[in-house]
C-alpha cells in the first residue's frame, strides 16, 4: 500500500522503516515537531508515570534521580523509551488510559505520582487517579508544535492521487491533517483515502469530516494498527 504518515520525528522514521519492511510505500510528512520544555521536577514522589515516549526523551540525564523510582507507562513504546532514558523499574499497561489507571491503582494504591506530560493531553489522568485516592502532580516536559501548512510532498501526493491510505496515531494529528488539507484545497482527496486509526477517539474528527473508509485497531498499539493493513 501507498501510505501517508504524519506523526512527529523520531517516531515517524522508525514507523516508516517498519512499514517499508512489510512491503509498503511510505510518504513521511510530519505535522508536528516535538519541543522539550523546562520543568521543575523536584519533590518527593513514589513513582513516575508517562503516557508518551516523548516524555521519557524530554527529561534528559539531568533527571537521573527519577530513574530509581518505579515508572508506569501506557504501552511498550513508551516503556522502551523510558528504559533508554535510564529508568530501571518499568511497568507497562499495554493498553489505554483506563488500563494504566488500573495498573497504578493495583500496584501503588497510596502512592504520590509524578506525571511527566505533554502540553496537549487526551483524557484526565489526574482525575482518574484522584478518584481512587492516588495523588498526582503533573509536570509538562514537552509540547508538539503544529505545522502551519501541509508539507508540499503531501499536497502533491493528494492532488496526484498516488496514496491509498493514512495512519493516524492521535486525535489532534488527525484533526490537524483535516485542517491543513482544507487550507491546501485537497480536503476531499484526503477524506476519500482509507484511514487507519489507533483508537475510536482518534477516528472522531475523521468521521465528523465525512470519511467513510475508517478502520480502528482492536488495541491502541502499533502492532494492532499494522494489523489493519493486512
Protein backbone atom coordinates (compact mmCIF):
# COMPACT_ATOMS: atom_id res chain seq x y z
CA UNK A 1 0.00 0.00 0.00
CA UNK A 2 0.98 3.65 -0.51
CA UNK A 3 0.64 5.28 2.89
CA UNK A 4 0.88 8.78 4.34
CA UNK A 5 2.47 9.04 7.78
CA UNK A 6 2.16 12.34 9.65
CA UNK A 7 3.49 11.59 13.13
CA UNK A 8 6.43 13.60 14.56
CA UNK A 9 10.06 12.57 14.43
CA UNK A 10 11.80 10.44 15.55
CA UNK A 11 8.78 8.11 15.67
CA UNK A 12 7.92 8.83 12.02
CA UNK A 13 11.22 7.42 10.74
CA UNK A 14 11.01 4.34 12.96
CA UNK A 15 7.43 3.61 11.91
CA UNK A 16 8.20 4.22 8.23
CA UNK A 17 11.07 1.74 8.36
CA UNK A 18 8.81 -0.89 9.91
CA UNK A 19 6.14 -0.32 7.27
CA UNK A 20 8.63 -0.46 4.39
CA UNK A 21 9.97 -3.73 5.77
CA UNK A 22 6.42 -5.05 5.35
CA UNK A 23 6.37 -4.01 1.70
CA UNK A 24 4.51 -0.70 1.94
CA UNK A 25 5.48 2.58 0.28
CA UNK A 26 5.52 5.38 2.86
CA UNK A 27 5.43 9.16 2.50
CA UNK A 28 6.66 10.74 5.73
CA UNK A 29 5.18 14.21 6.27
CA UNK A 30 5.30 15.16 9.98
CA UNK A 31 2.63 17.65 11.01
CA UNK A 32 4.09 18.35 14.46
CA UNK A 33 7.52 18.97 15.95
CA UNK A 34 8.25 17.84 19.50
CA UNK A 35 9.89 20.51 21.65
CA UNK A 36 11.41 19.94 25.08
CA UNK A 37 10.18 22.23 27.87
CA UNK A 38 11.98 23.13 31.07
CA UNK A 39 10.12 21.84 34.13
CA UNK A 40 10.70 21.72 37.86
CA UNK A 41 10.94 18.01 38.65
CA UNK A 42 11.82 18.42 42.33
CA UNK A 43 9.74 16.89 45.06
CA UNK A 44 9.22 13.63 46.92
CA UNK A 45 7.47 11.06 44.75
CA UNK A 46 6.87 7.34 44.95
CA UNK A 47 6.65 6.68 41.21
CA UNK A 48 6.68 8.27 37.76
CA UNK A 49 4.07 7.87 35.03
CA UNK A 50 4.47 8.58 31.30
CA UNK A 51 1.92 8.26 28.52
CA UNK A 52 4.27 9.14 25.65
CA UNK A 53 7.77 8.19 24.62
CA UNK A 54 8.34 11.92 24.08
CA UNK A 55 8.14 12.47 27.84
CA UNK A 56 10.92 9.98 28.53
CA UNK A 57 13.14 11.57 25.91
CA UNK A 58 12.37 15.12 27.05
CA UNK A 59 13.59 14.95 30.64
CA UNK A 60 17.17 14.04 29.78
CA UNK A 61 20.07 12.94 32.02
CA UNK A 62 19.59 15.86 34.42
CA UNK A 63 16.69 13.92 35.91
CA UNK A 64 18.74 10.85 36.79
CA UNK A 65 17.39 10.89 40.35
CA UNK A 66 13.98 9.91 38.97
CA UNK A 67 15.40 6.81 37.31
CA UNK A 68 15.47 4.94 40.60
CA UNK A 69 11.70 5.33 41.02
CA UNK A 70 9.19 2.82 39.66
CA UNK A 71 7.90 4.02 36.28
CA UNK A 72 4.48 3.28 34.79
CA UNK A 73 3.82 3.61 31.07
CA UNK A 74 0.75 3.24 28.88
CA UNK A 75 2.42 0.97 26.30
CA UNK A 76 5.58 -0.80 25.27
CA UNK A 77 6.95 2.00 23.05
CA UNK A 78 6.87 4.42 25.99
CA UNK A 79 8.40 1.67 28.16
CA UNK A 80 11.24 1.24 25.66
CA UNK A 81 11.90 4.99 25.62
CA UNK A 82 11.85 5.08 29.43
CA UNK A 83 14.37 2.24 29.55
CA UNK A 84 16.61 4.03 27.05
CA UNK A 85 16.36 7.19 29.17
CA UNK A 86 17.67 5.33 32.22
CA UNK A 87 14.59 4.13 34.13
CA UNK A 88 15.24 0.69 35.60
CA UNK A 89 11.90 -0.49 37.03
CA UNK A 90 9.17 -0.13 34.42
CA UNK A 91 5.61 -1.50 34.30
CA UNK A 92 3.64 -1.10 31.07
CA UNK A 93 -0.16 -1.21 30.96
CA UNK A 94 -0.05 -2.34 27.31
CA UNK A 95 -3.35 -0.60 26.64
CA UNK A 96 -5.22 2.67 27.05
CA UNK A 97 -5.56 5.24 29.85
CA UNK A 98 -8.03 3.09 31.80
CA UNK A 99 -5.56 0.19 31.77
CA UNK A 100 -2.80 2.47 33.06
CA UNK A 101 -5.01 3.73 35.90
CA UNK A 102 -5.90 0.17 36.88
CA UNK A 103 -2.23 -0.86 36.83
CA UNK A 104 -1.13 2.02 39.08
CA UNK A 105 -4.05 1.54 41.47
CA UNK A 106 -3.27 -2.16 41.75
CA UNK A 107 0.45 -1.72 42.35
CA UNK A 108 0.66 1.51 44.37
CA UNK A 109 -2.78 2.42 45.79
CA UNK A 110 -1.40 5.03 48.24
CA UNK A 111 1.36 6.49 46.11
CA UNK A 112 2.27 10.06 45.25
CA UNK A 113 2.82 10.05 41.50
CA UNK A 114 4.78 12.39 39.23
CA UNK A 115 3.21 12.61 35.77
CA UNK A 116 5.68 13.63 33.05
CA UNK A 117 3.27 15.00 30.48
CA UNK A 118 2.88 16.80 27.20
CA UNK A 119 1.24 20.19 26.82
CA UNK A 120 -1.72 18.64 24.99
CA UNK A 121 -3.18 15.52 26.54
CA UNK A 122 -6.11 13.21 25.87
CA UNK A 123 -8.03 12.18 28.98
CA UNK A 124 -7.65 13.33 32.58
CA UNK A 125 -5.20 11.03 34.31
CA UNK A 126 -5.12 13.15 37.48
CA UNK A 127 -8.89 12.93 37.91
CA UNK A 128 -8.93 9.19 37.23
CA UNK A 129 -6.22 8.51 39.80
CA UNK A 130 -7.67 11.04 42.24
CA UNK A 131 -10.99 9.20 42.22
CA UNK A 132 -9.06 6.21 43.56
CA UNK A 133 -7.34 8.23 46.26
CA UNK A 134 -3.98 8.45 44.49
CA UNK A 135 -2.26 11.84 44.49
CA UNK A 136 -0.56 13.02 41.32
CA UNK A 137 1.39 16.09 40.25
CA UNK A 138 1.64 16.92 36.55
CA UNK A 139 4.78 18.48 35.12
CA UNK A 140 4.71 19.45 31.44
CA UNK A 141 8.04 18.43 29.90
CA UNK A 142 7.33 18.70 26.15
CA UNK A 143 4.94 20.08 23.58
CA UNK A 144 4.12 19.15 19.98
CA UNK A 145 4.18 22.32 17.89
CA UNK A 146 1.80 22.14 14.92
CA UNK A 147 2.88 22.79 11.34
CA UNK A 148 1.39 25.88 9.69
CA UNK A 149 0.93 24.25 6.28
CA UNK A 150 0.69 20.76 4.84
CA UNK A 151 4.12 19.65 3.57
CA UNK A 152 4.47 20.11 -0.19
CA UNK A 153 5.14 16.40 -0.74
CA UNK A 154 1.83 15.51 0.89
CA UNK A 155 -0.08 18.13 -1.10
CA UNK A 156 1.38 16.77 -4.35
CA UNK A 157 0.60 13.17 -3.39
CA UNK A 158 -3.00 14.04 -2.53
CA UNK A 159 -3.56 16.00 -5.74
CA UNK A 160 -1.81 13.46 -7.98
CA UNK A 161 -3.59 10.53 -6.36
CA UNK A 162 -0.73 8.09 -5.59
CA UNK A 163 -1.88 7.44 -1.99
CA UNK A 164 -4.03 4.59 -0.68
CA UNK A 165 -4.33 5.48 2.99
CA UNK A 166 -3.22 7.37 6.09
CA UNK A 167 -2.12 6.11 9.51
CA UNK A 168 -3.44 8.15 12.44
CA UNK A 169 -1.89 7.96 15.92
CA UNK A 170 -3.70 10.79 17.72
CA UNK A 171 -6.94 12.73 17.53
CA UNK A 172 -5.01 16.00 17.44
CA UNK A 173 -2.90 14.98 14.44
CA UNK A 174 -5.96 13.69 12.58
CA UNK A 175 -7.78 16.98 13.17
CA UNK A 176 -4.68 18.94 12.12
CA UNK A 177 -4.41 16.96 8.90
CA UNK A 178 -8.02 17.80 8.07
CA UNK A 179 -7.38 21.48 8.76
CA UNK A 180 -4.21 21.70 6.70
CA UNK A 181 -5.64 19.64 3.83
CA UNK A 182 -8.58 22.03 3.72
CA UNK A 183 -6.27 25.04 3.57
CA UNK A 184 -4.35 23.36 0.72
CA UNK A 185 -7.58 22.70 -1.21
CA UNK A 186 -7.17 18.92 -1.12
CA UNK A 187 -9.54 18.01 1.71
CA UNK A 188 -11.84 15.80 -0.37
CA UNK A 189 -8.92 13.79 -1.71
CA UNK A 190 -7.65 13.25 1.83
CA UNK A 191 -11.08 12.35 3.24
CA UNK A 192 -11.56 9.82 0.44
CA UNK A 193 -8.49 7.78 1.42
CA UNK A 194 -8.54 4.75 3.70
CA UNK A 195 -7.90 5.86 7.30
CA UNK A 196 -6.24 3.55 9.83
CA UNK A 197 -6.73 4.77 13.40
CA UNK A 198 -5.11 3.77 16.68
CA UNK A 199 -8.42 4.11 18.56
CA UNK A 200 -12.03 5.22 18.21
CA UNK A 201 -11.08 8.53 19.83
CA UNK A 202 -8.54 9.14 17.07
CA UNK A 203 -11.23 8.50 14.44
CA UNK A 204 -13.68 11.11 15.78
CA UNK A 205 -12.60 14.11 13.65
CA UNK A 206 -12.37 11.92 10.56
CA UNK A 207 -15.93 10.69 10.99
CA UNK A 208 -17.03 14.29 11.52
CA UNK A 209 -15.40 15.27 8.22
CA UNK A 210 -17.29 12.57 6.34
CA UNK A 211 -14.56 9.95 5.91
CA UNK A 212 -16.20 6.59 5.29
CA UNK A 213 -13.25 4.23 4.91
CA UNK A 214 -12.16 4.14 8.55
CA UNK A 215 -10.57 1.15 10.29
CA UNK A 216 -9.82 1.15 14.03
CA UNK A 217 -7.22 -1.03 15.74
CA UNK A 218 -8.55 -3.64 18.16
CA UNK A 219 -5.98 -2.41 20.70
CA UNK A 220 -4.35 1.03 20.95
CA UNK A 221 -0.88 -0.14 19.93
CA UNK A 222 1.15 -0.12 16.74
CA UNK A 223 1.08 -3.88 16.21
CA UNK A 224 -2.72 -3.81 16.11
CA UNK A 225 -2.65 -0.75 13.84
CA UNK A 226 -0.32 -2.51 11.42
CA UNK A 227 -2.68 -5.50 11.53
CA UNK A 228 -5.33 -3.38 9.81
CA UNK A 229 -3.11 -3.21 6.72
CA UNK A 230 -3.06 -6.97 6.13
